[in-house]
């Protein structure tokens, strides 16, 4: 989890707010897809 946090912070530091919102939305959709895939 620490690696993911470091990566996330690195990404955020290089982006503006609009891109951050896009990244978060993309990440959440990816997580939901992964949960759906692994549970089904």
N, C-alpha and C. Protein backbone atom coordinates (compact mmCIF):
# COMPACT_ATOMS: atom_id res chain seq x y z
N UNK A 1 0.84 -1.20 0.00
CA UNK A 1 0.00 0.00 0.00
C UNK A 1 0.88 1.26 0.00
N UNK A 2 2.03 1.20 0.65
CA UNK A 2 2.91 2.35 0.72
C UNK A 2 3.40 2.74 -0.67
N UNK A 3 3.69 1.73 -1.50
CA UNK A 3 4.14 1.99 -2.87
C UNK A 3 3.08 2.73 -3.66
N UNK A 4 1.83 2.25 -3.53
CA UNK A 4 0.73 2.90 -4.24
C UNK A 4 0.56 4.34 -3.78
N UNK A 5 0.70 4.58 -2.49
CA UNK A 5 0.55 5.93 -1.95
C UNK A 5 1.64 6.85 -2.51
N UNK A 6 2.86 6.34 -2.55
CA UNK A 6 3.97 7.13 -3.10
C UNK A 6 3.71 7.45 -4.57
N UNK A 7 3.28 6.46 -5.31
CA UNK A 7 2.98 6.66 -6.73
C UNK A 7 1.88 7.68 -6.92
N UNK A 8 0.83 7.57 -6.11
CA UNK A 8 -0.31 8.48 -6.18
C UNK A 8 0.12 9.91 -5.88
N UNK A 9 0.93 10.08 -4.84
CA UNK A 9 1.42 11.41 -4.48
C UNK A 9 2.30 11.99 -5.58
N UNK A 10 3.11 11.14 -6.20
CA UNK A 10 3.97 11.58 -7.30
C UNK A 10 3.14 12.04 -8.48
N UNK A 11 2.09 11.29 -8.80
CA UNK A 11 1.19 11.66 -9.89
C UNK A 11 0.50 12.98 -9.59
N UNK A 12 -0.04 13.10 -8.38
CA UNK A 12 -0.76 14.32 -7.99
C UNK A 12 0.15 15.54 -8.06
N UNK A 13 1.38 15.40 -7.62
CA UNK A 13 2.30 16.54 -7.58
C UNK A 13 2.58 17.08 -8.99
N UNK A 14 2.41 16.23 -10.00
CA UNK A 14 2.70 16.64 -11.37
C UNK A 14 1.46 17.06 -12.16
N UNK A 15 0.30 17.09 -11.51
CA UNK A 15 -0.93 17.38 -12.22
C UNK A 15 -1.63 18.61 -11.65
N UNK A 16 -2.48 19.21 -12.48
CA UNK A 16 -3.35 20.28 -11.98
C UNK A 16 -4.68 19.67 -11.52
N UNK A 17 -5.54 20.47 -10.94
CA UNK A 17 -6.76 19.94 -10.31
C UNK A 17 -7.67 19.20 -11.29
N UNK A 18 -7.78 19.73 -12.50
CA UNK A 18 -8.66 19.10 -13.49
C UNK A 18 -8.17 17.70 -13.83
N UNK A 19 -6.86 17.56 -13.99
CA UNK A 19 -6.30 16.24 -14.31
C UNK A 19 -6.43 15.30 -13.11
N UNK A 20 -6.26 15.86 -11.89
CA UNK A 20 -6.40 15.03 -10.68
C UNK A 20 -7.81 14.42 -10.63
N UNK A 21 -8.82 15.24 -10.91
CA UNK A 21 -10.20 14.74 -10.90
C UNK A 21 -10.37 13.61 -11.92
N UNK A 22 -9.76 13.77 -13.09
CA UNK A 22 -9.83 12.74 -14.13
C UNK A 22 -9.14 11.45 -13.68
N UNK A 23 -7.97 11.61 -13.07
CA UNK A 23 -7.22 10.44 -12.59
C UNK A 23 -8.00 9.70 -11.52
N UNK A 24 -8.60 10.45 -10.58
CA UNK A 24 -9.38 9.83 -9.50
C UNK A 24 -10.58 9.08 -10.08
N UNK A 25 -11.30 9.72 -11.00
CA UNK A 25 -12.46 9.07 -11.61
C UNK A 25 -12.03 7.80 -12.35
N UNK A 26 -10.92 7.89 -13.08
CA UNK A 26 -10.41 6.74 -13.82
C UNK A 26 -10.00 5.61 -12.88
N UNK A 27 -9.34 5.98 -11.77
CA UNK A 27 -8.91 4.99 -10.79
C UNK A 27 -10.10 4.29 -10.15
N UNK A 28 -11.12 5.07 -9.77
CA UNK A 28 -12.31 4.50 -9.15
C UNK A 28 -13.01 3.55 -10.10
N UNK A 29 -13.15 3.94 -11.36
CA UNK A 29 -13.80 3.06 -12.33
C UNK A 29 -12.98 1.79 -12.53
N UNK A 30 -11.66 1.94 -12.51
CA UNK A 30 -10.78 0.78 -12.64
C UNK A 30 -10.93 -0.18 -11.46
N UNK A 31 -11.02 0.38 -10.26
CA UNK A 31 -11.20 -0.42 -9.05
C UNK A 31 -12.54 -1.16 -9.11
N UNK A 32 -13.58 -0.46 -9.51
CA UNK A 32 -14.91 -1.08 -9.61
C UNK A 32 -14.89 -2.20 -10.63
N UNK A 33 -14.24 -1.98 -11.76
CA UNK A 33 -14.13 -3.02 -12.78
C UNK A 33 -13.37 -4.23 -12.24
N UNK A 34 -12.29 -3.98 -11.50
CA UNK A 34 -11.51 -5.08 -10.93
C UNK A 34 -12.34 -5.87 -9.92
N UNK A 35 -13.06 -5.16 -9.06
CA UNK A 35 -13.92 -5.84 -8.08
C UNK A 35 -14.99 -6.68 -8.78
N UNK A 36 -15.61 -6.11 -9.80
CA UNK A 36 -16.63 -6.83 -10.56
C UNK A 36 -16.03 -8.07 -11.21
N UNK A 37 -14.85 -7.90 -11.80
CA UNK A 37 -14.18 -9.00 -12.50
C UNK A 37 -13.81 -10.12 -11.54
N UNK A 38 -13.23 -9.77 -10.40
CA UNK A 38 -12.78 -10.80 -9.45
C UNK A 38 -13.93 -11.45 -8.68
N UNK A 39 -15.02 -10.70 -8.47
CA UNK A 39 -16.15 -11.26 -7.72
C UNK A 39 -17.04 -12.11 -8.62
N UNK A 40 -17.03 -11.84 -9.91
CA UNK A 40 -17.92 -12.53 -10.82
C UNK A 40 -17.20 -13.58 -11.62
